[in-house]
N, C-alpha and C. Protein backbone atom coordinates (compact mmCIF):
# COMPACT_ATOMS: atom_id res chain seq x y z
N MET A 1 2.05 -0.39 -16.12
CA MET A 1 1.22 -0.49 -15.21
C MET A 1 1.21 0.80 -14.54
N ARG A 2 0.50 1.70 -13.90
CA ARG A 2 0.77 2.79 -13.63
C ARG A 2 0.88 3.28 -12.22
N GLY A 3 0.65 2.13 -11.28
CA GLY A 3 0.86 2.24 -9.87
C GLY A 3 2.17 1.33 -9.68
N VAL A 4 2.41 1.12 -8.40
CA VAL A 4 3.89 0.63 -8.29
C VAL A 4 3.59 -1.01 -7.72
N PHE A 5 3.23 -1.03 -6.47
CA PHE A 5 3.07 -2.39 -5.78
C PHE A 5 1.50 -2.65 -6.01
N SER A 6 1.07 -3.94 -6.16
CA SER A 6 -0.17 -4.45 -6.33
C SER A 6 -0.44 -5.02 -4.87
N GLY A 7 -0.84 -3.62 -3.96
CA GLY A 7 -0.93 -4.00 -2.51
C GLY A 7 -1.89 -4.60 -1.70
N CYS A 8 -2.90 -4.94 -2.56
CA CYS A 8 -4.08 -5.40 -2.05
C CYS A 8 -4.42 -6.92 -2.15
N ARG A 9 -3.49 -7.59 -1.80
CA ARG A 9 -3.56 -8.97 -2.10
C ARG A 9 -2.84 -9.75 -1.02
N VAL A 10 -2.95 -10.90 -1.03
CA VAL A 10 -2.38 -11.89 0.41
C VAL A 10 -1.89 -12.88 -0.40
N VAL A 11 -0.48 -13.36 -0.20
CA VAL A 11 0.20 -14.59 -0.84
C VAL A 11 0.20 -15.42 0.18
N ARG A 12 -0.06 -16.66 0.05
CA ARG A 12 0.09 -17.88 0.90
C ARG A 12 0.36 -18.98 -0.21
N ALA A 13 1.25 -19.95 0.10
CA ALA A 13 1.39 -21.17 -0.85
C ALA A 13 1.72 -20.85 -2.07
N GLY A 14 2.40 -20.01 -2.21
CA GLY A 14 2.80 -19.78 -3.83
C GLY A 14 1.95 -19.17 -4.59
N ARG A 15 0.36 -18.84 -4.42
CA ARG A 15 -0.52 -18.37 -4.81
C ARG A 15 -0.92 -16.97 -4.48
N VAL A 16 -1.64 -15.81 -5.10
CA VAL A 16 -2.00 -14.73 -4.64
C VAL A 16 -3.21 -14.64 -4.70
N SER A 17 -4.14 -14.24 -3.59
CA SER A 17 -5.32 -13.75 -3.67
C SER A 17 -5.65 -12.48 -3.04
N ARG A 18 -6.89 -11.91 -3.58
CA ARG A 18 -6.91 -10.69 -3.03
C ARG A 18 -7.40 -10.66 -1.65
N HIS A 19 -6.75 -9.67 -1.05
CA HIS A 19 -7.64 -9.11 0.44
C HIS A 19 -8.80 -8.49 0.59
N ARG A 20 -9.69 -8.85 1.40
CA ARG A 20 -10.95 -8.50 1.38
C ARG A 20 -11.27 -7.26 2.27
N PRO A 21 -11.14 -7.10 3.41
CA PRO A 21 -11.39 -6.30 4.22
C PRO A 21 -10.96 -4.85 4.02
N TYR A 22 -11.65 -3.78 3.79
CA TYR A 22 -11.13 -2.56 4.00
C TYR A 22 -12.29 -1.72 4.64
N CYS A 23 -11.94 -0.29 4.67
CA CYS A 23 -13.00 0.44 5.38
C CYS A 23 -14.39 1.11 4.73
N ALA A 24 -14.95 1.94 5.10
CA ALA A 24 -16.03 2.14 4.33
C ALA A 24 -16.27 3.62 4.23
N SER A 25 -15.66 4.67 3.91
CA SER A 25 -15.75 5.87 3.59
C SER A 25 -15.99 5.73 2.00
N ASN A 26 -16.76 6.79 1.44
CA ASN A 26 -17.18 7.11 0.35
C ASN A 26 -16.07 7.77 -0.60
N PHE A 27 -15.70 6.95 -1.90
CA PHE A 27 -14.53 7.39 -2.63
C PHE A 27 -14.95 7.04 -4.07
N ALA A 28 -14.42 7.66 -4.95
CA ALA A 28 -14.84 7.32 -6.60
C ALA A 28 -13.53 7.03 -6.76
N ILE A 29 -13.64 5.78 -7.85
CA ILE A 29 -12.24 5.37 -8.26
C ILE A 29 -12.36 5.00 -9.91
N ASN A 30 -11.62 5.20 -10.53
CA ASN A 30 -11.66 4.88 -11.76
C ASN A 30 -10.94 3.44 -12.11
N PHE A 31 -11.82 2.68 -13.00
CA PHE A 31 -11.50 1.26 -13.09
C PHE A 31 -10.97 1.30 -15.19
N PRO A 32 -9.84 1.59 -15.16
CA PRO A 32 -9.56 1.65 -16.80
C PRO A 32 -9.96 0.37 -17.45
N SER A 33 -10.53 -0.42 -16.83
CA SER A 33 -10.63 -1.32 -17.85
C SER A 33 -12.46 -1.16 -18.17
N VAL A 34 -13.34 -0.43 -17.74
CA VAL A 34 -14.09 0.01 -17.95
C VAL A 34 -14.13 1.59 -18.43
N GLY A 35 -13.23 2.12 -17.85
CA GLY A 35 -13.56 3.95 -18.47
C GLY A 35 -14.31 4.55 -17.85
N VAL A 36 -15.09 4.07 -16.80
CA VAL A 36 -15.78 5.20 -16.12
C VAL A 36 -15.48 5.19 -14.67
N ARG A 37 -16.01 6.42 -14.13
CA ARG A 37 -15.79 6.56 -12.61
C ARG A 37 -16.88 6.56 -11.88
N SER A 38 -17.03 5.57 -11.13
CA SER A 38 -18.23 5.06 -10.27
C SER A 38 -17.80 5.27 -8.79
N PRO A 39 -18.88 5.78 -8.09
CA PRO A 39 -18.71 5.47 -6.54
C PRO A 39 -18.78 4.29 -6.03
N LEU A 40 -17.53 4.30 -5.16
CA LEU A 40 -17.74 2.76 -4.68
C LEU A 40 -17.50 2.96 -3.19
N LEU A 41 -17.61 2.17 -2.10
CA LEU A 41 -17.00 2.14 -1.03
C LEU A 41 -15.36 1.82 -0.91
N TRP A 42 -14.56 2.31 -0.06
CA TRP A 42 -13.17 2.14 -0.33
C TRP A 42 -12.79 0.72 0.05
N ARG A 43 -13.64 0.06 0.54
CA ARG A 43 -13.26 -1.36 0.82
C ARG A 43 -13.40 -1.94 -0.20
N GLU A 44 -14.69 -1.74 -1.06
CA GLU A 44 -14.94 -2.32 -2.32
C GLU A 44 -14.21 -2.02 -3.40
N ALA A 45 -13.72 -0.75 -3.60
CA ALA A 45 -12.39 -0.22 -4.40
C ALA A 45 -11.33 -1.04 -4.29
N LEU A 46 -10.62 -1.41 -3.10
CA LEU A 46 -9.25 -1.78 -2.82
C LEU A 46 -9.61 -3.61 -3.11
N THR A 47 -10.69 -3.99 -2.52
CA THR A 47 -10.89 -5.33 -3.01
C THR A 47 -10.66 -5.89 -4.62
N ARG A 48 -11.25 -4.47 -5.26
CA ARG A 48 -11.14 -5.01 -6.75
C ARG A 48 -10.19 -4.59 -7.67
N MET A 49 -9.25 -3.69 -6.95
CA MET A 49 -8.29 -2.87 -7.96
C MET A 49 -6.99 -3.86 -7.59
N THR A 50 -6.08 -3.68 -8.79
CA THR A 50 -4.94 -4.10 -8.94
C THR A 50 -3.79 -3.16 -9.01
N ASP A 51 -4.29 -1.58 -9.12
CA ASP A 51 -3.49 -0.87 -9.11
C ASP A 51 -3.20 0.12 -8.52
N PRO A 52 -2.44 0.11 -7.38
CA PRO A 52 -2.13 1.28 -6.31
C PRO A 52 -2.51 2.71 -6.90
N PHE A 53 -2.10 3.06 -8.05
CA PHE A 53 -2.40 4.41 -8.57
C PHE A 53 -4.11 4.98 -8.40
N ASP A 54 -5.07 4.02 -8.69
CA ASP A 54 -6.41 4.17 -8.45
C ASP A 54 -6.41 4.48 -7.08
N ALA A 55 -5.80 3.95 -5.80
CA ALA A 55 -5.98 4.42 -4.46
C ALA A 55 -5.45 5.80 -4.18
N LEU A 56 -4.46 6.04 -4.95
CA LEU A 56 -3.93 7.34 -4.79
C LEU A 56 -5.00 8.38 -5.25
N THR A 57 -5.59 8.08 -6.36
CA THR A 57 -6.76 9.12 -7.06
C THR A 57 -7.86 9.15 -6.29
N SER A 58 -8.57 8.20 -5.63
CA SER A 58 -9.31 8.32 -4.82
C SER A 58 -8.94 9.13 -3.41
N PHE A 59 -7.65 9.00 -3.00
CA PHE A 59 -7.36 9.47 -1.73
C PHE A 59 -7.26 10.92 -1.83
N GLN A 60 -6.93 11.17 -3.01
CA GLN A 60 -6.70 12.63 -3.29
C GLN A 60 -7.62 13.41 -3.36
N GLN A 61 -9.03 12.66 -3.89
CA GLN A 61 -10.22 13.53 -4.04
C GLN A 61 -10.95 13.48 -2.59
N ALA A 62 -10.54 12.39 -1.85
CA ALA A 62 -11.40 12.17 -0.40
C ALA A 62 -10.76 13.54 0.20
N LEU A 63 -9.26 13.65 0.33
CA LEU A 63 -8.39 14.68 0.72
C LEU A 63 -9.07 16.11 0.45
N LEU A 64 -9.41 16.12 -0.82
CA LEU A 64 -9.50 17.85 -1.26
C LEU A 64 -11.16 17.83 -0.90
N ASP A 65 -11.92 16.98 -0.77
CA ASP A 65 -13.30 17.02 -0.15
C ASP A 65 -13.40 16.95 1.34
N GLY A 66 -12.55 17.15 1.96
CA GLY A 66 -12.27 16.96 3.45
C GLY A 66 -12.94 15.76 4.11
N GLU A 67 -13.08 14.51 3.40
CA GLU A 67 -13.42 13.38 3.50
C GLU A 67 -12.58 12.54 4.84
N ILE A 68 -11.31 13.09 4.84
CA ILE A 68 -10.19 12.15 5.73
C ILE A 68 -9.61 13.11 6.34
N SER A 69 -8.92 12.83 7.57
CA SER A 69 -7.91 13.72 8.25
C SER A 69 -6.69 13.48 8.08
N LEU A 70 -5.83 14.01 8.31
CA LEU A 70 -4.17 13.76 8.24
C LEU A 70 -3.54 13.87 9.69
N HIS A 71 -2.79 13.39 10.20
CA HIS A 71 -1.56 13.47 11.13
C HIS A 71 -0.40 13.56 10.91
N PRO A 72 0.55 14.58 11.23
CA PRO A 72 1.77 14.45 11.08
C PRO A 72 2.59 13.00 11.44
N ALA A 73 3.47 12.52 10.59
CA ALA A 73 4.18 11.65 11.18
C ALA A 73 5.26 12.00 12.36
N GLU A 74 5.67 11.04 13.16
CA GLU A 74 6.51 11.08 14.42
C GLU A 74 7.76 11.25 13.92
N LEU A 75 8.38 10.53 13.08
CA LEU A 75 10.00 11.01 12.47
C LEU A 75 10.05 11.37 11.76
N ASP A 76 9.38 11.93 10.35
CA ASP A 76 9.67 12.25 9.34
C ASP A 76 8.43 13.84 9.33
N ALA A 77 9.16 14.78 9.39
CA ALA A 77 8.58 16.11 9.20
C ALA A 77 7.63 16.28 8.08
N ASP A 78 7.99 15.61 6.89
CA ASP A 78 7.20 15.43 5.65
C ASP A 78 6.32 14.60 5.20
N LEU A 79 6.21 13.68 6.35
CA LEU A 79 5.01 12.79 5.91
C LEU A 79 3.83 12.89 6.63
N PHE A 80 2.89 12.42 6.16
CA PHE A 80 1.32 12.50 7.01
C PHE A 80 0.93 11.30 6.77
N LEU A 81 0.14 11.00 8.02
CA LEU A 81 -0.60 9.41 8.02
C LEU A 81 -2.35 9.50 8.35
N HIS A 82 -2.64 8.80 7.70
CA HIS A 82 -4.21 8.41 7.82
C HIS A 82 -4.36 7.10 8.57
N VAL A 83 -5.08 6.86 9.38
CA VAL A 83 -5.35 5.54 10.12
C VAL A 83 -6.65 5.27 10.13
N ASP A 84 -7.03 4.01 9.54
CA ASP A 84 -8.47 3.57 9.90
C ASP A 84 -8.30 2.39 10.20
N LYS A 85 -9.54 1.30 10.68
CA LYS A 85 -9.86 0.05 10.77
C LYS A 85 -11.07 -0.41 10.18
N PRO A 86 -10.68 -0.55 8.90
CA PRO A 86 -11.87 -1.15 7.95
C PRO A 86 -12.57 -2.37 8.28
N ALA A 87 -12.25 -3.16 9.52
CA ALA A 87 -13.12 -4.34 9.81
C ALA A 87 -12.11 -4.45 11.30
N PRO A 88 -12.92 -5.22 12.30
CA PRO A 88 -12.36 -5.47 13.63
C PRO A 88 -11.12 -6.25 13.31
N GLY A 89 -10.00 -5.68 14.00
CA GLY A 89 -8.81 -6.06 14.01
C GLY A 89 -7.87 -6.10 12.78
N VAL A 90 -8.35 -5.31 12.14
CA VAL A 90 -7.67 -4.91 10.70
C VAL A 90 -7.36 -3.51 10.55
N SER A 91 -6.08 -3.14 10.45
CA SER A 91 -5.66 -1.99 10.51
C SER A 91 -5.10 -1.27 8.99
N ARG A 92 -5.20 -0.26 8.69
CA ARG A 92 -4.71 0.35 7.40
C ARG A 92 -3.96 1.59 7.69
N LEU A 93 -2.84 1.75 7.35
CA LEU A 93 -1.97 3.07 7.28
C LEU A 93 -1.90 3.38 6.01
N THR A 94 -2.43 4.54 5.85
CA THR A 94 -2.00 5.50 4.74
C THR A 94 -1.08 6.89 4.96
N TYR A 95 0.31 6.32 4.40
CA TYR A 95 1.40 7.28 4.40
C TYR A 95 1.42 8.46 3.15
N VAL A 96 1.41 9.49 3.20
CA VAL A 96 1.65 10.52 1.93
C VAL A 96 2.47 11.76 2.00
N ARG A 97 3.06 11.90 1.27
CA ARG A 97 3.85 13.21 0.97
C ARG A 97 3.01 14.12 0.41
N LEU A 98 2.98 15.49 0.89
CA LEU A 98 2.01 16.50 0.24
C LEU A 98 2.80 17.74 -0.40
N ASP A 99 2.41 18.23 -1.47
CA ASP A 99 2.77 19.92 -1.88
C ASP A 99 1.53 20.69 -1.65
N ARG A 100 1.45 20.88 -0.62
CA ARG A 100 0.35 21.80 0.00
C ARG A 100 -0.98 20.82 0.23
N GLN A 101 -2.00 20.66 -0.81
CA GLN A 101 -2.84 19.35 -0.79
C GLN A 101 -3.14 18.52 -1.77
N LEU A 102 -1.81 18.51 -2.43
CA LEU A 102 -1.67 17.61 -3.88
C LEU A 102 -0.64 16.50 -2.91
N VAL A 103 -1.23 15.35 -3.35
CA VAL A 103 -0.47 13.98 -2.85
C VAL A 103 0.82 13.93 -3.71
N THR A 104 1.96 13.87 -3.51
CA THR A 104 3.15 13.41 -4.53
C THR A 104 3.35 12.17 -4.32
N ALA A 105 3.33 11.44 -3.17
CA ALA A 105 3.63 10.01 -2.94
C ALA A 105 2.61 9.41 -1.98
N LEU A 106 2.54 7.95 -2.04
CA LEU A 106 1.40 7.44 -1.36
C LEU A 106 1.79 6.29 -0.96
N ALA A 107 1.97 5.69 0.00
CA ALA A 107 2.19 4.48 0.53
C ALA A 107 1.19 3.72 1.39
N ILE A 108 0.82 2.56 1.34
CA ILE A 108 -0.60 2.24 1.93
C ILE A 108 -0.13 0.70 2.72
N MET A 109 -0.28 0.41 3.84
CA MET A 109 -0.01 -0.57 4.63
C MET A 109 -0.97 -1.13 5.40
N VAL A 110 -1.58 -2.29 4.93
CA VAL A 110 -2.86 -3.12 5.46
C VAL A 110 -2.44 -4.30 6.20
N GLN A 111 -3.17 -4.21 7.38
CA GLN A 111 -2.80 -5.29 7.91
C GLN A 111 -3.51 -6.74 7.49
N THR A 112 -2.95 -7.93 7.51
CA THR A 112 -3.40 -8.77 6.84
C THR A 112 -3.41 -10.24 7.71
N GLU A 113 -3.60 -11.33 7.09
CA GLU A 113 -3.21 -12.75 8.18
C GLU A 113 -1.62 -12.37 8.68
N PRO A 114 -1.55 -12.78 9.99
CA PRO A 114 -0.33 -12.95 10.36
C PRO A 114 0.83 -14.04 9.39
N MET A 115 1.85 -13.84 9.61
CA MET A 115 2.99 -14.73 9.02
C MET A 115 3.99 -15.11 9.75
N ASN A 116 4.49 -16.31 10.12
CA ASN A 116 5.19 -16.92 11.05
C ASN A 116 4.77 -16.36 12.48
N GLY A 117 3.61 -16.30 12.65
CA GLY A 117 2.94 -15.87 13.94
C GLY A 117 3.32 -14.48 14.30
N LEU A 118 3.79 -13.56 13.37
CA LEU A 118 3.72 -12.07 13.68
C LEU A 118 2.86 -11.25 12.77
N PRO A 119 2.81 -10.25 13.22
CA PRO A 119 1.81 -9.23 12.25
C PRO A 119 2.35 -9.20 10.92
N CYS A 120 1.71 -9.03 9.90
CA CYS A 120 2.11 -8.70 8.51
C CYS A 120 1.22 -7.74 7.89
N PHE A 121 1.87 -6.80 7.00
CA PHE A 121 1.13 -5.74 6.46
C PHE A 121 1.55 -5.78 4.70
N GLN A 122 0.37 -5.61 3.92
CA GLN A 122 0.71 -5.48 2.61
C GLN A 122 0.86 -4.11 2.37
N ALA A 123 1.83 -3.85 1.34
CA ALA A 123 2.29 -2.60 0.99
C ALA A 123 1.77 -2.40 -0.55
N GLY A 124 1.47 -1.03 -0.56
CA GLY A 124 0.98 -0.67 -1.76
C GLY A 124 1.50 0.93 -1.83
N VAL A 125 1.78 1.08 -3.10
CA VAL A 125 2.64 2.65 -3.04
C VAL A 125 2.20 3.20 -4.69
N ALA A 126 2.36 4.21 -4.82
CA ALA A 126 1.93 4.96 -6.41
C ALA A 126 2.54 6.50 -6.20
N VAL A 127 2.82 6.89 -7.20
CA VAL A 127 3.23 8.33 -7.10
C VAL A 127 2.79 8.95 -8.81
N PRO A 128 2.02 10.27 -8.48
CA PRO A 128 1.48 10.98 -9.63
C PRO A 128 2.87 10.95 -10.53
N GLU A 129 2.43 10.73 -11.94
CA GLU A 129 3.28 11.14 -13.32
C GLU A 129 4.19 12.10 -13.25
N ALA A 130 3.77 13.16 -12.79
CA ALA A 130 4.45 14.31 -12.72
C ALA A 130 5.55 14.20 -11.73
N TYR A 131 5.69 13.45 -10.76
CA TYR A 131 6.48 13.43 -9.65
C TYR A 131 7.29 12.22 -9.67
N ARG A 132 7.12 11.37 -10.97
CA ARG A 132 7.85 10.01 -11.11
C ARG A 132 9.55 10.46 -11.33
N GLY A 133 10.48 9.26 -11.16
CA GLY A 133 11.67 9.41 -11.40
C GLY A 133 12.59 10.30 -10.66
N LYS A 134 12.16 10.37 -9.59
CA LYS A 134 12.81 10.96 -8.69
C LYS A 134 12.79 10.53 -7.08
N GLY A 135 12.77 9.17 -6.92
CA GLY A 135 13.03 8.31 -5.96
C GLY A 135 12.00 8.47 -4.70
N ARG A 136 10.64 9.11 -5.16
CA ARG A 136 9.59 9.20 -4.40
C ARG A 136 8.91 8.01 -3.94
N ALA A 137 9.03 6.95 -4.58
CA ALA A 137 8.21 5.75 -4.21
C ALA A 137 9.43 5.10 -3.01
N LYS A 138 10.22 4.96 -3.19
CA LYS A 138 11.40 4.47 -2.81
C LYS A 138 11.50 4.88 -1.21
N SER A 139 11.36 6.46 -1.09
CA SER A 139 11.18 7.29 -0.29
C SER A 139 10.08 6.98 0.76
N VAL A 140 8.77 6.98 0.15
CA VAL A 140 7.75 7.07 1.09
C VAL A 140 7.64 5.75 1.54
N VAL A 141 8.02 4.56 0.84
CA VAL A 141 7.69 3.24 1.59
C VAL A 141 8.77 3.13 2.63
N ALA A 142 10.24 3.59 2.40
CA ALA A 142 10.95 3.59 3.61
C ALA A 142 10.53 4.27 4.63
N ALA A 143 10.22 5.34 4.53
CA ALA A 143 9.74 6.44 5.89
C ALA A 143 8.31 5.68 6.27
N ALA A 144 7.40 5.14 5.62
CA ALA A 144 6.43 4.50 6.31
C ALA A 144 6.99 3.11 6.94
N ILE A 145 7.57 2.29 6.63
CA ILE A 145 8.31 1.52 7.06
C ILE A 145 9.16 1.86 8.72
N ALA A 146 9.77 3.00 8.60
CA ALA A 146 10.53 3.55 9.68
C ALA A 146 9.48 3.92 10.92
N GLU A 147 8.42 4.65 10.45
CA GLU A 147 7.21 5.19 11.30
C GLU A 147 6.72 3.70 11.96
N MET A 148 6.21 2.71 11.08
CA MET A 148 5.56 1.56 11.73
C MET A 148 6.35 0.97 12.59
N LYS A 149 7.73 0.80 12.35
CA LYS A 149 8.87 0.34 13.37
C LYS A 149 8.73 1.33 14.75
N HIS A 150 8.95 2.45 14.35
CA HIS A 150 8.62 3.28 15.59
C HIS A 150 7.28 3.35 16.67
N GLY A 151 6.11 3.40 15.81
CA GLY A 151 5.00 3.09 16.70
C GLY A 151 4.74 1.62 17.07
N LEU A 152 4.79 0.59 16.14
CA LEU A 152 4.71 -0.68 16.98
C LEU A 152 5.42 -1.02 18.04
N SER A 153 6.86 -0.50 17.94
CA SER A 153 7.80 -0.96 18.95
C SER A 153 7.13 -0.31 20.28
N ARG A 154 6.78 0.78 20.24
CA ARG A 154 6.20 1.58 21.39
C ARG A 154 5.06 0.75 22.05
N ASN A 155 4.40 0.09 21.07
CA ASN A 155 3.45 -0.95 21.65
C ASN A 155 3.53 -2.14 21.93
N LYS A 156 4.97 -2.47 22.25
CA LYS A 156 5.44 -3.63 22.60
C LYS A 156 5.36 -4.89 21.29
N VAL A 157 5.31 -4.21 20.43
CA VAL A 157 5.36 -5.21 19.12
C VAL A 157 6.87 -5.04 18.72
N SER A 158 7.45 -6.38 18.96
CA SER A 158 8.93 -6.57 18.57
C SER A 158 9.34 -6.65 17.12
N ALA A 159 8.43 -7.48 16.38
CA ALA A 159 8.63 -7.36 15.06
C ALA A 159 7.45 -7.83 14.37
N PHE A 160 7.35 -7.72 13.11
CA PHE A 160 6.35 -7.57 12.12
C PHE A 160 6.95 -7.89 10.57
N TYR A 161 6.22 -8.44 9.89
CA TYR A 161 6.63 -8.39 8.41
C TYR A 161 5.85 -7.30 7.12
N VAL A 162 6.52 -7.05 6.46
CA VAL A 162 5.91 -6.34 5.44
C VAL A 162 5.99 -7.00 4.15
N GLU A 163 5.01 -7.22 3.23
CA GLU A 163 4.82 -7.87 2.01
C GLU A 163 4.21 -7.18 0.83
N ALA A 164 4.87 -7.39 -0.08
CA ALA A 164 4.51 -6.58 -1.51
C ALA A 164 4.55 -7.53 -2.79
N ILE A 165 3.80 -7.45 -3.69
CA ILE A 165 3.16 -8.43 -4.62
C ILE A 165 3.46 -7.58 -5.77
N VAL A 166 4.46 -7.80 -6.82
CA VAL A 166 4.70 -7.09 -7.92
C VAL A 166 4.72 -8.10 -9.25
N GLY A 167 4.09 -7.61 -10.41
CA GLY A 167 4.08 -8.39 -11.49
C GLY A 167 5.46 -8.39 -11.92
N THR A 168 5.80 -9.32 -12.90
CA THR A 168 7.12 -9.97 -13.07
C THR A 168 7.56 -9.11 -14.19
N HIS A 169 6.74 -8.38 -15.02
CA HIS A 169 7.18 -7.48 -16.12
C HIS A 169 7.12 -5.97 -15.64
N ASN A 170 7.00 -5.63 -14.33
CA ASN A 170 7.03 -4.18 -13.84
C ASN A 170 8.42 -3.89 -13.17
N GLU A 171 8.95 -3.43 -13.87
CA GLU A 171 10.50 -3.24 -13.73
C GLU A 171 10.21 -2.26 -12.86
N PRO A 172 9.97 -0.92 -12.99
CA PRO A 172 10.10 -0.07 -11.60
C PRO A 172 9.63 -0.39 -10.55
N SER A 173 8.58 -1.19 -10.36
CA SER A 173 8.02 -1.63 -9.19
C SER A 173 8.95 -2.56 -8.52
N LYS A 174 9.49 -3.44 -9.11
CA LYS A 174 10.72 -4.34 -8.99
C LYS A 174 11.66 -3.56 -8.37
N ARG A 175 12.25 -2.46 -8.81
CA ARG A 175 13.41 -1.70 -8.25
C ARG A 175 12.99 -1.04 -7.11
N VAL A 176 11.95 -0.30 -6.95
CA VAL A 176 11.13 -0.22 -5.58
C VAL A 176 11.02 -1.10 -4.41
N ALA A 177 10.56 -2.18 -5.02
CA ALA A 177 10.73 -3.15 -3.99
C ALA A 177 11.90 -3.95 -3.24
N GLU A 178 12.72 -3.97 -4.50
CA GLU A 178 13.99 -4.57 -3.82
C GLU A 178 14.58 -3.52 -3.13
N ALA A 179 14.30 -2.46 -3.29
CA ALA A 179 15.22 -1.26 -2.33
C ALA A 179 14.84 -1.40 -1.13
N THR A 180 13.75 -1.51 -0.95
CA THR A 180 12.88 -1.30 0.52
C THR A 180 12.52 -2.37 1.17
N ILE A 181 12.49 -3.45 0.47
CA ILE A 181 11.98 -4.73 1.03
C ILE A 181 12.67 -5.91 1.06
N SER A 182 13.02 -6.48 -0.10
CA SER A 182 13.65 -7.43 -0.29
C SER A 182 14.30 -7.56 -1.69
N ALA A 183 15.59 -7.81 -1.63
CA ALA A 183 16.19 -8.25 -2.89
C ALA A 183 16.40 -9.54 -3.41
N THR A 184 15.66 -10.48 -2.64
CA THR A 184 15.14 -12.00 -3.02
C THR A 184 13.88 -12.29 -3.06
N PRO A 185 13.02 -11.75 -4.15
CA PRO A 185 11.87 -12.25 -4.13
C PRO A 185 11.39 -13.43 -4.42
N LYS A 186 10.06 -14.05 -4.14
CA LYS A 186 9.69 -15.59 -4.62
C LYS A 186 8.75 -15.10 -5.42
N ALA A 187 9.20 -16.19 -6.40
CA ALA A 187 8.13 -16.20 -7.86
C ALA A 187 6.57 -17.14 -7.18
N VAL A 188 5.49 -16.21 -7.68
CA VAL A 188 3.96 -16.68 -7.31
C VAL A 188 3.31 -16.78 -8.44
N THR A 189 1.97 -16.92 -8.47
CA THR A 189 1.04 -16.66 -9.37
C THR A 189 -0.30 -15.83 -8.63
N ASP A 190 -0.42 -15.06 -9.40
CA ASP A 190 -1.67 -14.35 -9.16
C ASP A 190 -2.89 -15.07 -9.42
N GLU A 191 -3.41 -15.51 -8.07
CA GLU A 191 -4.53 -16.40 -8.33
C GLU A 191 -5.57 -15.91 -8.91
N VAL A 192 -5.80 -14.53 -8.96
CA VAL A 192 -7.37 -14.01 -9.73
C VAL A 192 -7.08 -13.78 -11.39
N SER A 193 -5.76 -13.49 -11.88
CA SER A 193 -5.53 -13.16 -13.29
C SER A 193 -4.53 -14.16 -13.58
N GLY A 194 -4.11 -15.02 -12.83
CA GLY A 194 -3.55 -16.25 -13.13
C GLY A 194 -1.69 -15.89 -13.69
N LEU A 195 -1.60 -14.42 -13.66
CA LEU A 195 -0.33 -13.96 -14.24
C LEU A 195 0.87 -14.42 -13.27
N PRO A 196 2.15 -14.34 -13.68
CA PRO A 196 3.16 -14.70 -12.73
C PRO A 196 3.49 -12.95 -12.17
N ALA A 197 4.10 -13.53 -10.79
CA ALA A 197 4.07 -12.35 -9.84
C ALA A 197 5.39 -12.61 -8.99
N LEU A 198 5.92 -11.37 -8.39
CA LEU A 198 6.88 -11.73 -7.16
C LEU A 198 6.64 -11.27 -5.97
N GLN A 199 6.86 -12.09 -5.22
CA GLN A 199 6.34 -11.96 -3.55
C GLN A 199 7.65 -11.31 -3.05
N TYR A 200 7.62 -10.10 -2.33
CA TYR A 200 8.81 -9.31 -1.65
C TYR A 200 8.32 -9.42 -0.18
N VAL A 201 9.17 -10.08 0.62
CA VAL A 201 8.61 -9.99 2.02
C VAL A 201 10.04 -9.49 3.01
N ARG A 202 9.92 -8.72 3.73
CA ARG A 202 10.96 -8.31 4.83
C ARG A 202 10.60 -8.24 6.44
N LYS A 203 11.07 -8.79 7.00
CA LYS A 203 11.04 -9.07 8.54
C LYS A 203 11.39 -7.80 9.05
N ILE A 204 10.69 -6.83 9.83
CA ILE A 204 11.15 -5.91 10.64
C ILE A 204 11.24 -5.90 11.98
N GLU A 205 12.57 -5.72 12.59
CA GLU A 205 12.71 -6.01 14.05
C GLU A 205 13.32 -4.68 14.65
N SER A 206 12.66 -4.47 15.99
CA SER A 206 12.89 -3.35 16.64
C SER A 206 14.10 -3.40 17.27
């Protein structure tokens, strides 16, 4: 699996289903199963895909094409943020590290349905092949969570959840999720593929 977390899904009652609402900027995304590159709405791409590396590819192209803007993060000088609202009441925060205009690590946090009455964000992360094996995935996820905690606490949100879904055989992803989200995942079933997966959940409190 090329990406790390399959971050565009919602887990409830032990099964996993795809999260639906995302924004409406035009990106191109590659689906390995069909081997073609086709233009899709960002919303449609993230609804269909399971590999966050596809999101990185699309985000990189959109950045080079000048279709999106980035803002410096508040706590980490090497982190940049793109925020959009793909649907009313739904926020998506995309955090990236850059080498000039090349994305070297990407973490996506998408607001989903509340968990235990608190806001919940689905996590997705990907790193280009040339930059792997250097701790970049763990670093960008940890930095993204820290930035979210800082920003949400300023807006009177005292606690929230971060959730990630990882395939049971995806060892690199499991190591990242265990290091940044939870060391005690819950076994779940992917409702779309029927494959076993692990749900990692972390409650963040300010």
